[in-house]
Amino acid sequence: MTIDIAITNGTVMPMGGASMIERGTVTIKGDKIAAVGPSANVDITGAVKVIDASNCVIMPGFANSHTHIASNMLLRGLLEDVRLFEWLGTMWKLKQNFDPETLYWANMNGLVEMVKSGITAFNEHFDAYAVEPQIEALKELPLRATLGYGFADRGIYAAITDWSWKTLHNFGDLVDRHHHSNGGLLQIGLSPHAPYSCGAGMYHLVREVADAYSVPIHTHLAEGPQEIAYVQEHYGTSPVRWLHSLEFLKSDVTAAHCTQLDEEDARILAETGTKIAHCPICNAKLSSGTLHLECVQRHGVTVGLATDGPASHNSLDMFQEMKFASIIHKDKTGNAEFLPTTQVLEMATAEGAKAMNRPETGQLCAGMAADVIVVNLDTTHTMPVYDPAASLVYSSRADDVLHTIVAGRLLMENRIVAGVDEAEIRRNFRAKAHALRIRSLT
């Protein structure tokens, strides 16, 4: 068998519960992992390309289980130091003025940032803006992506009510055009915005469409105190209990945030197989609360890490997310032993992939998707590297990623992203973003 890519002499962290290999090799054939093992045991004879990963970690790419790339690229740094609902109101002023070309360049900028930070799979939640520009951008930089069409029918999103109903009723056309496209890397899904922006009828229809076309669902849920107050006032219960009463929650649902859960909520999520995308940095920044991770883990809920969007996190850096998650949960639980480094790495890779319903990625083992990153540990800020897992979680940074491979394709080699002009992308994105701000807020 001819090997397309062999990555040798690195510390292999396969994830998925598999043990670390101190001096290991990963080989790739086509779009799949061919072999993983000690370098002495893996034959790389005749490999088309060999990458020497000495002093590096070879690991699965990060699975970013909840984010908003296109919109939040355009909102990064626009409004800081405010609460969630007030922040959303200002964001909406720009979203109403999005145009396809501006969104295209925003997406290209976001995809480059993800490739350069080692994110190989992402779960996009659209909020009432065009999906097609991201589909076009993904043809240039083909990451593994699930794109959720956003729906709402009330609150600040009331203006998209008619579009939402029409799109839901004709979703089969979108499935035919886009689901499992781009060589299988691209999937589409359904993204009802949140319990404060979608009514019962919309959630019912989303569930019917998901069941009919076997597409995943991605929604915000129990994100912060303001949402809890809204649902209590309107429905007399919690957001999780309300959606459960609608028979909406199933294993195809990714629920983002979930900072406001009690034991019964956690039990319901576990019983229904609902998965959580945990975004600790943005939740802390917007004072939305912190997921009761120990509680949901005790109930057996799948939890993946996520950056949310660059407007509420300000970067697409899963290294930051891992470090902050580990630290804040140790503080919240009062237990320095809670959430060890190997577990937080699993949440950023294998568990993140499960949380976004893309189980084909997130692990390095034969037959899995060849979504691989190589992270340099030979740096002043990571040395002397007694424990590679500790270095990755607490010391490493996004710009330590040297190589990024998605489905066997080398998208970045030695920090150079293949086939794109980064300076042109930044130039066009900057101009479009500032023009959008001027026409939206002045």
Protein backbone atom coordinates (compact mmCIF):
# COMPACT_ATOMS: atom_id res chain seq x y z
CA MET A 1 0.00 0.00 0.00
CA THR A 2 1.40 3.40 -1.01
CA ILE A 3 1.36 5.91 1.83
CA ASP A 4 0.47 9.46 0.87
CA ILE A 5 1.73 11.18 4.05
CA ALA A 6 3.87 9.83 6.88
CA ILE A 7 4.34 11.95 10.00
CA THR A 8 7.22 10.51 11.99
CA ASN A 9 9.27 10.82 15.17
CA GLY A 10 6.72 12.82 17.11
CA THR A 11 4.85 12.31 20.37
CA VAL A 12 1.55 10.82 19.18
CA MET A 13 -1.55 11.63 21.21
CA PRO A 14 -4.25 9.52 19.51
CA MET A 15 -7.10 10.58 21.89
CA GLY A 16 -10.28 8.55 22.24
CA GLY A 17 -8.77 6.98 25.36
CA ALA A 18 -5.72 5.58 23.54
CA SER A 19 -2.31 5.87 25.19
CA MET A 20 0.34 8.37 24.17
CA ILE A 21 3.21 7.09 22.01
CA GLU A 22 6.45 8.87 22.88
CA ARG A 23 8.18 8.34 19.54
CA GLY A 24 5.48 7.54 17.06
CA THR A 25 4.36 7.70 13.47
CA VAL A 26 1.02 8.37 11.82
CA THR A 27 0.47 7.42 8.19
CA ILE A 28 -2.28 8.62 5.86
CA LYS A 29 -3.70 6.99 2.75
CA GLY A 30 -6.24 9.05 0.84
CA ASP A 31 -8.57 10.74 3.32
CA LYS A 32 -8.12 8.18 6.13
CA ILE A 33 -5.59 7.30 8.80
CA ALA A 34 -3.70 4.20 7.65
CA ALA A 35 -1.63 3.35 10.72
CA VAL A 36 -0.63 4.71 14.13
CA GLY A 37 2.16 3.26 16.24
CA PRO A 38 5.76 3.45 17.44
CA SER A 39 8.01 4.70 14.65
CA ALA A 40 10.02 1.46 14.74
CA ASN A 41 6.87 -0.52 13.97
CA VAL A 42 5.27 1.57 11.21
CA ASP A 43 6.54 1.07 7.66
CA ILE A 44 6.82 4.35 5.73
CA THR A 45 8.71 2.93 2.75
CA GLY A 46 7.68 4.71 -0.43
CA ALA A 47 5.66 7.41 1.32
CA VAL A 48 4.93 10.27 -1.07
CA LYS A 49 5.54 12.86 1.64
CA VAL A 50 7.35 12.49 4.97
CA ILE A 51 7.01 15.07 7.73
CA ASP A 52 9.55 14.94 10.56
CA ALA A 53 7.70 15.76 13.78
CA SER A 54 10.68 15.62 16.15
CA ASN A 55 10.01 17.68 19.31
CA CYS A 56 6.36 17.97 18.25
CA VAL A 57 3.01 16.42 19.14
CA ILE A 58 1.01 14.62 16.46
CA MET A 59 -2.67 14.73 17.40
CA PRO A 60 -6.17 14.97 15.96
CA GLY A 61 -7.23 18.42 14.82
CA PHE A 62 -9.51 20.31 17.18
CA ALA A 63 -13.28 19.93 16.79
CA ASN A 64 -14.85 23.32 17.53
CA SER A 65 -18.36 22.20 18.48
CA HIS A 66 -20.05 25.63 18.51
CA THR A 67 -19.01 28.79 16.70
CA HIS A 68 -20.15 31.66 14.49
CA ILE A 69 -17.44 32.39 11.95
CA ALA A 70 -18.87 34.66 9.27
CA SER A 71 -20.97 36.95 11.44
CA ASN A 72 -18.65 37.15 14.42
CA MET A 73 -15.59 37.85 12.30
CA LEU A 74 -17.39 41.07 11.40
CA LEU A 75 -18.28 41.83 15.02
CA ARG A 76 -14.97 41.12 16.76
CA GLY A 77 -14.08 43.91 19.15
CA LEU A 78 -17.16 45.94 18.21
CA LEU A 79 -18.83 45.95 21.61
CA GLU A 80 -17.28 44.88 24.89
CA ASP A 81 -18.20 44.82 28.59
CA VAL A 82 -21.97 44.35 28.25
CA ARG A 83 -24.51 41.64 29.07
CA LEU A 84 -25.79 39.04 26.60
CA PHE A 85 -29.13 40.53 25.49
CA GLU A 86 -27.75 44.07 25.16
CA TRP A 87 -24.77 42.70 23.23
CA LEU A 88 -27.05 40.77 20.88
CA GLY A 89 -29.08 43.91 20.15
CA THR A 90 -26.07 45.83 18.87
CA MET A 91 -24.80 42.83 16.91
CA TRP A 92 -28.16 42.63 15.12
CA LYS A 93 -27.72 46.16 13.73
CA LEU A 94 -24.77 44.92 11.69
CA LYS A 95 -26.26 41.55 10.82
CA GLN A 96 -29.19 43.23 9.07
CA ASN A 97 -26.71 44.86 6.67
CA PHE A 98 -24.62 41.82 5.75
CA ASP A 99 -24.02 41.27 2.05
CA PRO A 100 -22.64 38.17 0.29
CA GLU A 101 -19.25 39.61 -0.66
CA THR A 102 -18.58 40.92 2.85
CA LEU A 103 -19.56 37.54 4.28
CA TYR A 104 -17.31 35.72 1.83
CA TRP A 105 -14.20 37.63 2.93
CA ALA A 106 -15.19 37.28 6.58
CA ASN A 107 -15.46 33.55 6.10
CA MET A 108 -12.12 33.33 4.33
CA ASN A 109 -10.49 35.20 7.21
CA GLY A 110 -12.13 32.86 9.72
CA LEU A 111 -11.14 29.71 7.85
CA VAL A 112 -7.52 30.86 7.66
CA GLU A 113 -7.54 31.58 11.38
CA MET A 114 -8.91 28.11 12.13
CA VAL A 115 -6.44 26.33 9.87
CA LYS A 116 -3.58 28.20 11.51
CA SER A 117 -4.82 27.36 15.01
CA GLY A 118 -5.33 23.65 14.37
CA ILE A 119 -9.12 23.55 14.13
CA THR A 120 -10.01 20.97 11.49
CA ALA A 121 -13.76 20.59 12.17
CA PHE A 122 -16.30 23.20 13.21
CA ASN A 123 -20.00 23.45 13.95
CA GLU A 124 -21.34 26.73 12.54
CA HIS A 125 -24.50 28.30 13.91
CA PHE A 126 -25.89 30.90 11.51
CA ASP A 127 -28.02 33.73 12.89
CA ALA A 128 -30.17 34.96 10.06
CA TYR A 129 -27.53 35.55 7.42
CA ALA A 130 -26.56 33.86 4.19
CA VAL A 131 -24.93 30.43 4.35
CA GLU A 132 -23.81 30.35 0.71
CA PRO A 133 -20.74 32.61 1.13
CA GLN A 134 -19.31 30.15 3.65
CA ILE A 135 -20.04 27.25 1.33
CA GLU A 136 -18.05 29.07 -1.37
CA ALA A 137 -15.20 29.85 1.03
CA LEU A 138 -15.03 26.19 2.07
CA LYS A 139 -14.29 25.27 -1.54
CA GLU A 140 -11.05 27.26 -1.12
CA LEU A 141 -10.18 25.95 2.36
CA PRO A 142 -12.03 22.66 2.82
CA LEU A 143 -12.35 22.10 6.56
CA ARG A 144 -14.79 19.56 7.97
CA ALA A 145 -17.86 21.70 8.62
CA THR A 146 -21.46 21.42 9.71
CA LEU A 147 -23.36 24.54 8.71
CA GLY A 148 -26.57 25.16 10.64
CA TYR A 149 -29.19 27.36 8.97
CA GLY A 150 -30.46 29.79 11.61
CA PHE A 151 -34.15 30.29 12.35
CA ALA A 152 -36.14 32.60 14.66
CA ASP A 153 -39.58 34.16 14.89
CA ARG A 154 -39.53 36.69 17.73
CA GLY A 155 -37.52 39.22 19.71
CA ILE A 156 -34.71 41.03 17.90
CA TYR A 157 -34.82 38.32 15.22
CA ALA A 158 -38.52 38.81 14.39
CA ALA A 159 -37.56 40.30 11.01
CA ILE A 160 -36.50 36.87 9.72
CA THR A 161 -39.73 35.12 10.70
CA ASP A 162 -41.10 34.72 7.18
CA TRP A 163 -37.72 33.62 5.80
CA SER A 164 -37.36 31.08 8.61
CA TRP A 165 -40.71 29.40 7.97
CA LYS A 166 -40.19 29.35 4.22
CA THR A 167 -36.69 27.88 4.51
CA LEU A 168 -37.83 25.20 6.95
CA HIS A 169 -40.70 24.16 4.68
CA ASN A 170 -38.28 23.84 1.74
CA PHE A 171 -35.30 22.43 3.59
CA GLY A 172 -35.22 19.30 1.47
CA ASP A 173 -33.94 21.38 -1.44
CA LEU A 174 -30.98 22.54 0.67
CA VAL A 175 -30.27 18.98 1.76
CA ASP A 176 -30.19 17.85 -1.87
CA ARG A 177 -27.79 20.65 -2.84
CA HIS A 178 -25.40 20.77 0.08
CA HIS A 179 -25.60 17.89 2.58
CA HIS A 180 -22.51 15.65 2.37
CA SER A 181 -21.05 17.86 -0.37
CA ASN A 182 -17.46 19.06 -0.83
CA GLY A 183 -16.23 15.49 -0.85
CA GLY A 184 -18.33 14.66 2.20
CA LEU A 185 -16.65 17.29 4.37
CA LEU A 186 -19.63 19.63 4.36
CA GLN A 187 -22.87 18.84 6.10
CA ILE A 188 -25.80 21.12 6.78
CA GLY A 189 -28.03 21.28 9.81
CA LEU A 190 -30.83 23.15 11.52
CA SER A 191 -30.08 25.97 13.94
CA PRO A 192 -33.15 27.32 15.75
CA HIS A 193 -31.59 30.23 17.56
CA ALA A 194 -32.72 29.92 21.18
CA PRO A 195 -35.78 29.46 23.42
CA TYR A 196 -36.14 33.25 23.68
CA SER A 197 -36.12 33.75 19.89
CA CYS A 198 -38.06 30.69 18.66
CA GLY A 199 -41.54 29.63 19.66
CA ALA A 200 -42.93 26.14 20.20
CA GLY A 201 -44.22 25.87 16.63
CA MET A 202 -40.79 26.56 15.18
CA TYR A 203 -39.11 24.02 17.44
CA HIS A 204 -41.76 21.45 16.48
CA LEU A 205 -41.14 22.01 12.76
CA VAL A 206 -37.36 21.87 13.19
CA ARG A 207 -37.75 18.49 14.86
CA GLU A 208 -39.97 17.23 12.02
CA VAL A 209 -37.48 18.38 9.38
CA ALA A 210 -34.51 16.87 11.24
CA ASP A 211 -36.27 13.53 11.50
CA ALA A 212 -37.34 13.61 7.85
CA TYR A 213 -33.88 14.37 6.41
CA SER A 214 -31.55 12.97 9.11
CA VAL A 215 -29.72 16.25 9.61
CA PRO A 216 -28.33 17.47 12.95
CA ILE A 217 -29.68 20.29 15.10
CA HIS A 218 -27.65 23.02 16.78
CA THR A 219 -29.28 25.47 19.21
CA HIS A 220 -28.38 27.80 22.06
CA LEU A 221 -29.79 26.52 25.34
CA ALA A 222 -29.78 27.68 28.96
CA GLU A 223 -27.10 30.20 28.04
CA GLY A 224 -27.53 32.79 30.76
CA PRO A 225 -29.71 34.31 33.50
CA GLN A 226 -31.68 36.50 31.08
CA GLU A 227 -32.77 33.43 29.08
CA ILE A 228 -33.77 31.64 32.28
CA ALA A 229 -35.91 34.60 33.32
CA TYR A 230 -37.55 34.83 29.89
CA VAL A 231 -38.49 31.14 29.74
CA GLN A 232 -39.73 31.14 33.34
CA GLU A 233 -41.92 34.19 32.64
CA HIS A 234 -43.36 32.83 29.37
CA TYR A 235 -43.50 29.08 29.98
CA GLY A 236 -43.16 28.65 33.74
CA THR A 237 -40.24 26.23 33.55
CA SER A 238 -36.57 25.94 32.56
CA PRO A 239 -35.36 26.04 28.94
CA VAL A 240 -34.32 22.36 29.03
CA ARG A 241 -37.63 21.22 30.52
CA TRP A 242 -39.55 23.33 27.99
CA LEU A 243 -37.77 21.84 24.98
CA HIS A 244 -38.15 18.38 26.49
CA SER A 245 -41.90 18.96 26.82
CA LEU A 246 -41.95 19.64 23.07
CA GLU A 247 -40.22 16.28 22.46
CA PHE A 248 -37.46 18.22 20.76
CA LEU A 249 -34.36 16.93 22.55
CA LYS A 250 -32.68 13.88 20.99
CA SER A 251 -29.17 12.62 20.29
CA ASP A 252 -28.93 14.70 17.11
CA VAL A 253 -29.04 17.95 19.12
CA THR A 254 -25.97 20.00 20.05
CA ALA A 255 -26.92 22.43 22.82
CA ALA A 256 -24.52 25.33 23.12
CA HIS A 257 -23.55 26.84 26.48
CA CYS A 258 -25.91 25.22 29.06
CA THR A 259 -24.53 27.31 31.90
CA GLN A 260 -27.84 27.36 33.80
CA LEU A 261 -28.63 23.70 34.49
CA ASP A 262 -29.89 21.94 37.57
CA GLU A 263 -29.80 18.21 38.31
CA GLU A 264 -33.11 17.56 36.55
CA ASP A 265 -31.96 19.43 33.44
CA ALA A 266 -28.76 17.38 33.36
CA ARG A 267 -30.74 14.16 33.79
CA ILE A 268 -32.97 15.11 30.82
CA LEU A 269 -29.99 15.88 28.59
CA ALA A 270 -28.45 12.52 29.47
CA GLU A 271 -31.72 10.62 28.98
CA THR A 272 -32.30 12.16 25.55
CA GLY A 273 -28.68 11.89 24.40
CA THR A 274 -28.46 15.67 23.89
CA LYS A 275 -24.87 16.86 23.64
CA ILE A 276 -23.32 20.04 25.03
CA ALA A 277 -20.89 22.47 23.36
CA HIS A 278 -19.08 24.11 26.26
CA CYS A 279 -17.81 27.67 25.70
CA PRO A 280 -16.24 28.73 29.00
CA ILE A 281 -14.42 31.86 27.83
CA CYS A 282 -17.35 33.61 26.18
CA ASN A 283 -19.68 32.55 29.01
CA ALA A 284 -17.38 34.15 31.56
CA LYS A 285 -16.88 37.25 29.43
CA LEU A 286 -20.62 37.87 29.07
CA SER A 287 -21.24 36.90 32.70
CA SER A 288 -23.55 34.14 31.52
CA GLY A 289 -22.36 31.63 34.11
CA THR A 290 -20.28 28.45 34.01
CA LEU A 291 -21.45 25.01 32.97
CA HIS A 292 -21.79 22.66 35.96
CA LEU A 293 -19.38 20.26 34.30
CA GLU A 294 -19.08 17.84 37.21
CA CYS A 295 -22.87 17.49 37.28
CA VAL A 296 -23.35 16.79 33.57
CA GLN A 297 -20.36 14.43 33.49
CA ARG A 298 -21.83 12.51 36.42
CA HIS A 299 -25.04 12.07 34.43
CA GLY A 300 -23.08 10.89 31.36
CA VAL A 301 -23.70 13.84 29.01
CA THR A 302 -21.26 14.23 26.10
CA VAL A 303 -19.45 17.58 26.38
CA GLY A 304 -17.18 19.13 23.76
CA LEU A 305 -15.19 22.34 23.95
CA ALA A 306 -15.95 25.27 21.67
CA THR A 307 -14.78 28.82 21.07
CA ASP A 308 -18.17 30.34 20.26
CA GLY A 309 -17.68 33.25 17.87
CA PRO A 310 -14.86 35.80 17.71
CA ALA A 311 -17.24 38.52 18.89
CA SER A 312 -17.68 36.93 22.31
CA HIS A 313 -14.34 35.10 22.55
CA ASN A 314 -12.26 37.37 20.26
CA SER A 315 -10.22 34.51 18.83
CA LEU A 316 -10.55 31.03 17.39
CA ASP A 317 -7.96 29.51 19.70
CA MET A 318 -8.77 26.16 21.28
CA PHE A 319 -5.54 26.29 23.30
CA GLN A 320 -6.95 29.29 25.15
CA GLU A 321 -10.24 27.45 25.60
CA MET A 322 -8.54 24.37 27.06
CA LYS A 323 -6.47 26.38 29.52
CA PHE A 324 -9.38 28.51 30.67
CA ALA A 325 -11.71 25.51 30.99
CA SER A 326 -9.25 23.64 33.16
CA ILE A 327 -8.60 26.64 35.39
CA ILE A 328 -12.17 27.87 35.85
CA HIS A 329 -13.55 24.43 36.69
CA LYS A 330 -10.83 23.83 39.27
CA ASP A 331 -11.78 27.16 40.82
CA LYS A 332 -15.55 26.60 40.65
CA THR A 333 -15.34 23.11 42.14
CA GLY A 334 -12.63 23.96 44.65
CA ASN A 335 -10.86 20.85 43.44
CA ALA A 336 -7.43 21.18 41.85
CA GLU A 337 -7.66 17.58 40.65
CA PHE A 338 -10.84 18.16 38.63
CA LEU A 339 -10.59 18.15 34.81
CA PRO A 340 -7.05 16.84 34.29
CA THR A 341 -5.14 17.74 31.16
CA THR A 342 -5.87 14.49 29.31
CA GLN A 343 -9.60 14.97 29.85
CA VAL A 344 -9.65 18.55 28.59
CA LEU A 345 -7.70 17.43 25.50
CA GLU A 346 -10.38 14.80 24.88
CA MET A 347 -13.06 17.50 25.13
CA ALA A 348 -11.26 19.53 22.46
CA THR A 349 -10.87 16.59 20.07
CA ALA A 350 -12.73 13.26 20.34
CA GLU A 351 -15.52 14.46 22.62
CA GLY A 352 -15.86 17.69 20.64
CA ALA A 353 -16.35 15.66 17.47
CA LYS A 354 -19.05 13.59 19.17
CA ALA A 355 -20.68 16.74 20.54
CA MET A 356 -21.08 18.13 17.01
CA ASN A 357 -22.25 14.75 15.66
CA ARG A 358 -19.14 14.20 13.51
CA PRO A 359 -17.78 11.00 15.10
CA GLU A 360 -15.67 10.19 12.06
CA THR A 361 -13.02 12.64 13.30
CA GLY A 362 -11.31 13.54 16.58
CA GLN A 363 -9.13 10.43 17.00
CA LEU A 364 -6.01 9.01 15.39
CA CYS A 365 -6.57 5.36 14.60
CA ALA A 366 -6.75 3.32 11.42
CA GLY A 367 -9.86 4.08 9.40
CA MET A 368 -10.66 7.41 11.04
CA ALA A 369 -10.69 10.65 9.06
CA ALA A 370 -7.19 11.96 8.40
CA ASP A 371 -7.68 15.23 10.28
CA VAL A 372 -4.28 15.73 11.90
CA ILE A 373 -2.24 18.57 13.35
CA VAL A 374 1.40 18.81 14.32
CA VAL A 375 2.12 21.11 17.27
CA ASN A 376 5.64 22.38 17.96
CA LEU A 377 6.75 21.97 21.59
CA ASP A 378 10.30 23.15 20.92
CA THR A 379 9.58 26.70 22.05
CA THR A 380 10.72 28.92 24.90
CA HIS A 381 7.19 29.09 26.32
CA THR A 382 6.71 25.30 26.45
CA MET A 383 10.18 24.06 27.47
CA PRO A 384 11.33 21.82 29.11
CA VAL A 385 8.24 19.64 28.35
CA TYR A 386 8.10 17.05 31.10
CA ASP A 387 4.50 16.25 30.19
CA PRO A 388 3.30 16.92 26.60
CA ALA A 389 -0.36 17.02 27.68
CA ALA A 390 0.38 19.69 30.28
CA SER A 391 2.37 21.67 27.71
CA LEU A 392 -0.52 21.57 25.23
CA VAL A 393 -3.16 22.64 27.74
CA TYR A 394 -1.29 25.20 29.81
CA SER A 395 1.63 26.49 27.70
CA SER A 396 0.96 26.07 23.98
CA ARG A 397 -0.56 28.67 21.68
CA ALA A 398 -2.37 28.66 18.36
CA ASP A 399 0.74 29.75 16.48
CA ASP A 400 2.59 26.66 17.67
CA VAL A 401 0.62 24.59 15.12
CA LEU A 402 3.04 23.84 12.28
CA HIS A 403 0.97 21.59 9.99
CA THR A 404 -2.77 21.13 9.53
CA ILE A 405 -4.22 18.22 7.55
CA VAL A 406 -7.93 17.74 6.76
CA ALA A 407 -9.14 14.55 5.06
CA GLY A 408 -5.57 13.79 4.05
CA ARG A 409 -5.02 17.18 2.42
CA LEU A 410 -2.19 19.33 3.76
CA LEU A 411 -3.91 22.70 4.22
CA MET A 412 -1.00 24.27 6.11
CA GLU A 413 2.67 23.32 6.00
CA ASN A 414 5.22 25.07 8.21
CA ARG A 415 2.66 27.83 8.97
CA ILE A 416 2.00 28.53 5.27
CA VAL A 417 -1.64 28.03 4.25
CA ALA A 418 -1.75 26.46 0.82
CA GLY A 419 -3.45 28.09 -2.14
CA VAL A 420 -4.56 31.39 -0.58
CA ASP A 421 -3.17 34.91 -0.42
CA GLU A 422 -3.47 35.81 3.27
CA ALA A 423 -2.57 39.46 2.68
CA GLU A 424 -5.35 39.80 0.10
CA ILE A 425 -7.84 38.16 2.44
CA ARG A 426 -6.94 40.51 5.31
CA ARG A 427 -7.05 43.55 3.04
CA ASN A 428 -10.48 42.78 1.59
CA PHE A 429 -11.91 41.70 4.93
CA ARG A 430 -10.70 44.85 6.70
CA ALA A 431 -12.20 47.13 4.06
CA LYS A 432 -15.55 45.31 3.97
CA ALA A 433 -15.83 45.16 7.77
CA HIS A 434 -15.19 48.86 8.32
CA ALA A 435 -17.62 49.79 5.55
CA LEU A 436 -20.26 47.58 7.21
CA ARG A 437 -19.73 49.25 10.57
CA ILE A 438 -20.05 52.72 9.08
CA ARG A 439 -23.30 52.02 7.27
CA SER A 440 -24.80 50.14 10.24
CA LEU A 441 -23.93 52.30 13.25
CA THR A 442 -23.55 55.86 11.97
